[in-house]
Amino acid sequence: MTLTVLAFAQSQDQFGFSRREVEACPEDTPRGLLLRLNPAADLAHLRVALDCEFAGWDQPLGNARELAILPPVSGG
């Protein structure tokens, strides 16, 4: 399946793109997929969302069509 990976803010610098189409399997996880794209990636302060819903790092992608890499957010 083809998955659209979106990177926002600092994660664009870490991964080198803002949008990228990648091949993935439903049993792949966000952690596995992103480490395949950048084995040196520091995921500690990032969050991910699958199809606009926050997801866990080790949750299977299932039938998701989009994965977003979200940096920490501050607000007030």
PDB file of N, CA and C in Angstrom:
ATOM      1  N   MET A   1       0.841  -1.177   0.000  1.00  0.00           N
ATOM      2  CA  MET A   1       0.000   0.000   0.000  1.00  0.00           C
ATOM      3  C   MET A   1       0.882   1.234   0.000  1.00  0.00           C
ATOM      4  N   THR A   2       0.368   2.314  -0.530  1.00  0.00           N
ATOM      5  CA  THR A   2       1.095   3.582  -0.535  1.00  0.00           C
ATOM      6  C   THR A   2       0.586   4.438   0.616  1.00  0.00           C
ATOM      7  N   LEU A   3       1.524   4.976   1.383  1.00  0.00           N
ATOM      8  CA  LEU A   3       1.209   5.797   2.548  1.00  0.00           C
ATOM      9  C   LEU A   3       1.833   7.164   2.338  1.00  0.00           C
ATOM     10  N   THR A   4       1.099   8.215   2.605  1.00  0.00           N
ATOM     11  CA  THR A   4       1.626   9.574   2.555  1.00  0.00           C
ATOM     12  C   THR A   4       2.168   9.915   3.934  1.00  0.00           C
ATOM     13  N   VAL A   5       3.439  10.288   3.997  1.00  0.00           N
ATOM     14  CA  VAL A   5       4.064  10.693   5.256  1.00  0.00           C
ATOM     15  C   VAL A   5       4.245  12.201   5.216  1.00  0.00           C
ATOM     16  N   LEU A   6       3.698  12.881   6.222  1.00  0.00           N
ATOM     17  CA  LEU A   6       3.791  14.331   6.332  1.00  0.00           C
ATOM     18  C   LEU A   6       4.676  14.673   7.526  1.00  0.00           C
ATOM     19  N   ALA A   7       5.642  15.548   7.326  1.00  0.00           N
ATOM     20  CA  ALA A   7       6.526  15.981   8.415  1.00  0.00           C
ATOM     21  C   ALA A   7       6.302  17.472   8.648  1.00  0.00           C
ATOM     22  N   PHE A   8       6.173  17.852   9.908  1.00  0.00           N
ATOM     23  CA  PHE A   8       5.905  19.238  10.267  1.00  0.00           C
ATOM     24  C   PHE A   8       7.041  19.806  11.101  1.00  0.00           C
ATOM     25  N   ALA A   9       7.283  21.115  10.943  1.00  0.00           N
ATOM     26  CA  ALA A   9       8.268  21.885  11.733  1.00  0.00           C
ATOM     27  C   ALA A   9       9.623  21.184  11.783  1.00  0.00           C
ATOM     28  N   GLN A  10      10.164  20.961  13.002  1.00  0.00           N
ATOM     29  CA  GLN A  10      11.508  20.400  13.151  1.00  0.00           C
ATOM     30  C   GLN A  10      11.634  19.007  12.543  1.00  0.00           C
ATOM     31  N   SER A  11      10.556  18.267  12.481  1.00  0.00           N
ATOM     32  CA  SER A  11      10.639  16.917  11.916  1.00  0.00           C
ATOM     33  C   SER A  11      10.984  16.962  10.424  1.00  0.00           C
ATOM     34  N   GLN A  12      10.688  18.065   9.743  1.00  0.00           N
ATOM     35  CA  GLN A  12      11.097  18.209   8.340  1.00  0.00           C
ATOM     36  C   GLN A  12      12.611  18.191   8.231  1.00  0.00           C
ATOM     37  N   ASP A  13      13.293  18.868   9.161  1.00  0.00           N
ATOM     38  CA  ASP A  13      14.751  18.885   9.143  1.00  0.00           C
ATOM     39  C   ASP A  13      15.315  17.497   9.422  1.00  0.00           C
ATOM     40  N   GLN A  14      14.709  16.806  10.353  1.00  0.00           N
ATOM     41  CA  GLN A  14      15.205  15.488  10.740  1.00  0.00           C
ATOM     42  C   GLN A  14      15.028  14.447   9.636  1.00  0.00           C
ATOM     43  N   PHE A  15      13.914  14.534   8.910  1.00  0.00           N
ATOM     44  CA  PHE A  15      13.631  13.538   7.882  1.00  0.00           C
ATOM     45  C   PHE A  15      13.953  14.012   6.468  1.00  0.00           C
ATOM     46  N   GLY A  16      14.118  15.313   6.275  1.00  0.00           N
ATOM     47  CA  GLY A  16      14.525  15.817   4.968  1.00  0.00           C
ATOM     48  C   GLY A  16      13.403  15.966   3.960  1.00  0.00           C
ATOM     49  N   PHE A  17      12.174  15.998   4.413  1.00  0.00           N
ATOM     50  CA  PHE A  17      11.038  16.205   3.510  1.00  0.00           C
ATOM     51  C   PHE A  17       9.854  16.741   4.306  1.00  0.00           C
ATOM     52  N   SER A  18       8.896  17.315   3.584  1.00  0.00           N
ATOM     53  CA  SER A  18       7.649  17.720   4.228  1.00  0.00           C
ATOM     54  C   SER A  18       6.519  16.760   3.848  1.00  0.00           C
ATOM     55  N   ARG A  19       6.669  16.136   2.690  1.00  0.00           N
ATOM     56  CA  ARG A  19       5.675  15.166   2.216  1.00  0.00           C
ATOM     57  C   ARG A  19       6.388  14.122   1.384  1.00  0.00           C
ATOM     58  N   ARG A  20       6.040  12.870   1.624  1.00  0.00           N
ATOM     59  CA  ARG A  20       6.682  11.786   0.869  1.00  0.00           C
ATOM     60  C   ARG A  20       5.728  10.600   0.781  1.00  0.00           C
ATOM     61  N   GLU A  21       5.679   9.985  -0.371  1.00  0.00           N
ATOM     62  CA  GLU A  21       4.883   8.775  -0.580  1.00  0.00           C
ATOM     63  C   GLU A  21       5.816   7.585  -0.375  1.00  0.00           C
ATOM     64  N   VAL A  22       5.403   6.626   0.455  1.00  0.00           N
ATOM     65  CA  VAL A  22       6.221   5.445   0.727  1.00  0.00           C
ATOM     66  C   VAL A  22       5.361   4.192   0.627  1.00  0.00           C
ATOM     67  N   GLU A  23       6.007   3.089   0.344  1.00  0.00           N
ATOM     68  CA  GLU A  23       5.330   1.801   0.339  1.00  0.00           C
ATOM     69  C   GLU A  23       5.397   1.221   1.743  1.00  0.00           C
ATOM     70  N   ALA A  24       4.280   0.705   2.221  1.00  0.00           N
ATOM     71  CA  ALA A  24       4.213   0.141   3.566  1.00  0.00           C
ATOM     72  C   ALA A  24       3.259  -1.042   3.556  1.00  0.00           C
ATOM     73  N   CYS A  25       3.364  -1.850   4.599  1.00  0.00           N
ATOM     74  CA  CYS A  25       2.468  -2.983   4.805  1.00  0.00           C
ATOM     75  C   CYS A  25       1.566  -2.675   5.998  1.00  0.00           C
ATOM     76  N   PRO A  26       0.357  -3.221   6.031  1.00  0.00           N
ATOM     77  CA  PRO A  26      -0.544  -2.958   7.156  1.00  0.00           C
ATOM     78  C   PRO A  26       0.050  -3.309   8.514  1.00  0.00           C
ATOM     79  N   GLU A  27       0.934  -4.294   8.559  1.00  0.00           N
ATOM     80  CA  GLU A  27       1.523  -4.690   9.846  1.00  0.00           C
ATOM     81  C   GLU A  27       2.723  -3.831  10.252  1.00  0.00           C
ATOM     82  N   ASP A  28       3.202  -2.957   9.369  1.00  0.00           N
ATOM     83  CA  ASP A  28       4.271  -2.018   9.738  1.00  0.00           C
ATOM     84  C   ASP A  28       3.770  -1.106  10.852  1.00  0.00           C
ATOM     85  N   THR A  29       4.701  -0.572  11.638  1.00  0.00           N
ATOM     86  CA  THR A  29       4.361   0.383  12.692  1.00  0.00           C
ATOM     87  C   THR A  29       4.955   1.743  12.341  1.00  0.00           C
ATOM     88  N   PRO A  30       4.439   2.823  12.930  1.00  0.00           N
ATOM     89  CA  PRO A  30       5.049   4.132  12.686  1.00  0.00           C
ATOM     90  C   PRO A  30       6.544   4.139  13.029  1.00  0.00           C
ATOM     91  N   ARG A  31       6.914   3.530  14.171  1.00  0.00           N
ATOM     92  CA  ARG A  31       8.325   3.490  14.572  1.00  0.00           C
ATOM     93  C   ARG A  31       9.170   2.787  13.501  1.00  0.00           C
ATOM     94  N   GLY A  32       8.743   1.620  13.078  1.00  0.00           N
ATOM     95  CA  GLY A  32       9.496   0.859  12.090  1.00  0.00           C
ATOM     96  C   GLY A  32       9.613   1.588  10.765  1.00  0.00           C
ATOM     97  N   LEU A  33       8.527   2.178  10.318  1.00  0.00           N
ATOM     98  CA  LEU A  33       8.528   2.894   9.041  1.00  0.00           C
ATOM     99  C   LEU A  33       9.461   4.100   9.087  1.00  0.00           C
ATOM    100  N   LEU A  34       9.353   4.900  10.152  1.00  0.00           N
ATOM    101  CA  LEU A  34      10.174   6.113  10.227  1.00  0.00           C
ATOM    102  C   LEU A  34      11.653   5.789  10.428  1.00  0.00           C
ATOM    103  N   LEU A  35      11.952   4.737  11.162  1.00  0.00           N
ATOM    104  CA  LEU A  35      13.359   4.351  11.314  1.00  0.00           C
ATOM    105  C   LEU A  35      13.909   3.757  10.021  1.00  0.00           C
ATOM    106  N   ARG A  36      13.042   3.216   9.192  1.00  0.00           N
ATOM    107  CA  ARG A  36      13.471   2.755   7.869  1.00  0.00           C
ATOM    108  C   ARG A  36      13.815   3.962   6.986  1.00  0.00           C
ATOM    109  N   LEU A  37      13.055   5.057   7.132  1.00  0.00           N
ATOM    110  CA  LEU A  37      13.320   6.266   6.346  1.00  0.00           C
ATOM    111  C   LEU A  37      14.554   7.007   6.852  1.00  0.00           C
ATOM    112  N   ASN A  38      14.782   6.983   8.172  1.00  0.00           N
ATOM    113  CA  ASN A  38      15.946   7.647   8.763  1.00  0.00           C
ATOM    114  C   ASN A  38      16.367   6.855   9.999  1.00  0.00           C
ATOM    115  N   PRO A  39      17.311   5.913   9.835  1.00  0.00           N
ATOM    116  CA  PRO A  39      17.727   5.072  10.958  1.00  0.00           C
ATOM    117  C   PRO A  39      18.277   5.850  12.150  1.00  0.00           C
ATOM    118  N   ALA A  40      18.742   7.061  11.942  1.00  0.00           N
ATOM    119  CA  ALA A  40      19.307   7.866  13.029  1.00  0.00           C
ATOM    120  C   ALA A  40      18.276   8.796  13.666  1.00  0.00           C
ATOM    121  N   ALA A  41      17.020   8.692  13.271  1.00  0.00           N
ATOM    122  CA  ALA A  41      15.982   9.606  13.758  1.00  0.00           C
ATOM    123  C   ALA A  41      15.813   9.498  15.273  1.00  0.00           C
ATOM    124  N   ASP A  42      15.659  10.645  15.913  1.00  0.00           N
ATOM    125  CA  ASP A  42      15.367  10.719  17.341  1.00  0.00           C
ATOM    126  C   ASP A  42      13.861  10.928  17.477  1.00  0.00           C
ATOM    127  N   LEU A  43      13.156   9.882  17.843  1.00  0.00           N
ATOM    128  CA  LEU A  43      11.696   9.930  17.915  1.00  0.00           C
ATOM    129  C   LEU A  43      11.182  10.317  19.295  1.00  0.00           C
ATOM    130  N   ALA A  44      12.076  10.499  20.241  1.00  0.00           N
ATOM    131  CA  ALA A  44      11.706  10.676  21.646  1.00  0.00           C
ATOM    132  C   ALA A  44      10.731  11.825  21.886  1.00  0.00           C
ATOM    133  N   HIS A  45      10.857  12.908  21.161  1.00  0.00           N
ATOM    134  CA  HIS A  45      10.013  14.079  21.429  1.00  0.00           C
ATOM    135  C   HIS A  45       8.979  14.317  20.334  1.00  0.00           C
ATOM    136  N   LEU A  46       8.768  13.317  19.496  1.00  0.00           N
ATOM    137  CA  LEU A  46       7.790  13.450  18.422  1.00  0.00           C
ATOM    138  C   LEU A  46       6.561  12.618  18.726  1.00  0.00           C
ATOM    139  N   ARG A  47       5.461  12.977  18.091  1.00  0.00           N
ATOM    140  CA  ARG A  47       4.240  12.172  18.138  1.00  0.00           C
ATOM    141  C   ARG A  47       3.856  11.848  16.714  1.00  0.00           C
ATOM    142  N   VAL A  48       3.025  10.857  16.555  1.00  0.00           N
ATOM    143  CA  VAL A  48       2.543  10.502  15.225  1.00  0.00           C
ATOM    144  C   VAL A  48       1.022  10.419  15.230  1.00  0.00           C
ATOM    145  N   ALA A  49       0.475  10.636  14.052  1.00  0.00           N
ATOM    146  CA  ALA A  49      -0.962  10.485  13.854  1.00  0.00           C
ATOM    147  C   ALA A  49      -1.184   9.674  12.582  1.00  0.00           C
ATOM    148  N   LEU A  50      -2.158   8.796  12.631  1.00  0.00           N
ATOM    149  CA  LEU A  50      -2.566   8.026  11.460  1.00  0.00           C
ATOM    150  C   LEU A  50      -3.950   8.503  11.062  1.00  0.00           C
ATOM    151  N   ASP A  51      -4.069   8.956   9.836  1.00  0.00           N
ATOM    152  CA  ASP A  51      -5.347   9.478   9.332  1.00  0.00           C
ATOM    153  C   ASP A  51      -5.972  10.466  10.318  1.00  0.00           C
ATOM    154  N   CYS A  52      -5.163  11.422  10.781  1.00  0.00           N
ATOM    155  CA  CYS A  52      -5.595  12.538  11.641  1.00  0.00           C
ATOM    156  C   CYS A  52      -5.982  12.134  13.065  1.00  0.00           C
ATOM    157  N   GLU A  53      -5.583  10.950  13.503  1.00  0.00           N
ATOM    158  CA  GLU A  53      -5.838  10.497  14.878  1.00  0.00           C
ATOM    159  C   GLU A  53      -4.502  10.146  15.508  1.00  0.00           C
ATOM    160  N   PHE A  54      -4.226  10.670  16.723  1.00  0.00           N
ATOM    161  CA  PHE A  54      -2.988  10.314  17.391  1.00  0.00           C
ATOM    162  C   PHE A  54      -2.869   8.800  17.486  1.00  0.00           C
ATOM    163  N   ALA A  55      -1.651   8.300  17.315  1.00  0.00           N
ATOM    164  CA  ALA A  55      -1.411   6.857  17.322  1.00  0.00           C
ATOM    165  C   ALA A  55      -0.182   6.547  18.159  1.00  0.00           C
ATOM    166  N   GLY A  56      -0.093   5.315  18.589  1.00  0.00           N
ATOM    167  CA  GLY A  56       1.080   4.854  19.313  1.00  0.00           C
ATOM    168  C   GLY A  56       2.187   4.466  18.348  1.00  0.00           C
ATOM    169  N   TRP A  57       3.412   4.533  18.816  1.00  0.00           N
ATOM    170  CA  TRP A  57       4.572   4.230  17.971  1.00  0.00           C
ATOM    171  C   TRP A  57       4.581   2.794  17.469  1.00  0.00           C
ATOM    172  N   ASP A  58       4.005   1.881  18.242  1.00  0.00           N
ATOM    173  CA  ASP A  58       4.067   0.467  17.881  1.00  0.00           C
ATOM    174  C   ASP A  58       2.717  -0.084  17.433  1.00  0.00           C
ATOM    175  N   GLN A  59       1.814   0.814  17.110  1.00  0.00           N
ATOM    176  CA  GLN A  59       0.499   0.434  16.593  1.00  0.00           C
ATOM    177  C   GLN A  59       0.635   0.096  15.106  1.00  0.00           C
ATOM    178  N   PRO A  60       0.086  -1.020  14.651  1.00  0.00           N
ATOM    179  CA  PRO A  60       0.149  -1.324  13.209  1.00  0.00           C
ATOM    180  C   PRO A  60      -0.532  -0.224  12.386  1.00  0.00           C
ATOM    181  N   LEU A  61       0.003   0.008  11.197  1.00  0.00           N
ATOM    182  CA  LEU A  61      -0.560   1.030  10.312  1.00  0.00           C
ATOM    183  C   LEU A  61      -1.956   0.655   9.828  1.00  0.00           C
ATOM    184  N   GLY A  62      -2.220  -0.621   9.721  1.00  0.00           N
ATOM    185  CA  GLY A  62      -3.529  -1.066   9.239  1.00  0.00           C
ATOM    186  C   GLY A  62      -3.795  -0.521   7.847  1.00  0.00           C
ATOM    187  N   ASN A  63      -4.952   0.068   7.649  1.00  0.00           N
ATOM    188  CA  ASN A  63      -5.343   0.614   6.344  1.00  0.00           C
ATOM    189  C   ASN A  63      -5.144   2.120   6.255  1.00  0.00           C
ATOM    190  N   ALA A  64      -4.326   2.681   7.133  1.00  0.00           N
ATOM    191  CA  ALA A  64      -4.105   4.133   7.122  1.00  0.00           C
ATOM    192  C   ALA A  64      -3.563   4.579   5.761  1.00  0.00           C
ATOM    193  N   ARG A  65      -3.936   5.771   5.379  1.00  0.00           N
ATOM    194  CA  ARG A  65      -3.461   6.348   4.110  1.00  0.00           C
ATOM    195  C   ARG A  65      -2.466   7.485   4.357  1.00  0.00           C
ATOM    196  N   GLU A  66      -2.426   7.989   5.614  1.00  0.00           N
ATOM    197  CA  GLU A  66      -1.568   9.127   5.929  1.00  0.00           C
ATOM    198  C   GLU A  66      -0.973   8.968   7.323  1.00  0.00           C
ATOM    199  N   LEU A  67       0.309   9.271   7.431  1.00  0.00           N
ATOM    200  CA  LEU A  67       1.015   9.305   8.714  1.00  0.00           C
ATOM    201  C   LEU A  67       1.615  10.689   8.856  1.00  0.00           C
ATOM    202  N   ALA A  68       1.319  11.347   9.963  1.00  0.00           N
ATOM    203  CA  ALA A  68       1.877  12.689  10.216  1.00  0.00           C
ATOM    204  C   ALA A  68       2.864  12.604  11.365  1.00  0.00           C
ATOM    205  N   ILE A  69       4.016  13.258  11.184  1.00  0.00           N
ATOM    206  CA  ILE A  69       5.044  13.349  12.221  1.00  0.00           C
ATOM    207  C   ILE A  69       4.889  14.723  12.859  1.00  0.00           C
ATOM    208  N   LEU A  70       4.575  14.715  14.151  1.00  0.00           N
ATOM    209  CA  LEU A  70       4.253  15.963  14.839  1.00  0.00           C
ATOM    210  C   LEU A  70       5.296  16.292  15.904  1.00  0.00           C
ATOM    211  N   PRO A  71       5.883  17.484  15.830  1.00  0.00           N
ATOM    212  CA  PRO A  71       6.858  17.902  16.829  1.00  0.00           C
ATOM    213  C   PRO A  71       6.145  18.323  18.119  1.00  0.00           C
ATOM    214  N   PRO A  72       6.901  18.479  19.189  1.00  0.00           N
ATOM    215  CA  PRO A  72       6.276  18.972  20.423  1.00  0.00           C
ATOM    216  C   PRO A  72       5.686  20.359  20.186  1.00  0.00           C
ATOM    217  N   VAL A  73       4.603  20.624  20.871  1.00  0.00           N
ATOM    218  CA  VAL A  73       3.897  21.892  20.702  1.00  0.00           C
ATOM    219  C   VAL A  73       3.808  22.576  22.063  1.00  0.00           C
ATOM    220  N   SER A  74       4.072  23.870  22.051  1.00  0.00           N
ATOM    221  CA  SER A  74       3.861  24.635  23.272  1.00  0.00           C
ATOM    222  C   SER A  74       2.767  25.650  22.987  1.00  0.00           C
ATOM    223  N   GLY A  75       2.065  25.991  23.988  1.00  0.00           N
ATOM    224  CA  GLY A  75       0.980  26.950  23.773  1.00  0.00           C
ATOM    225  C   GLY A  75       0.544  27.520  25.105  1.00  0.00           C
ATOM    226  N   GLY A  76      -0.376  28.401  25.024  1.00  0.00           N
ATOM    227  CA  GLY A  76      -0.822  28.977  26.278  1.00  0.00           C
ATOM    228  C   GLY A  76      -2.030  29.813  26.119  1.00  0.00           C
TER     229      GLY A  76
END
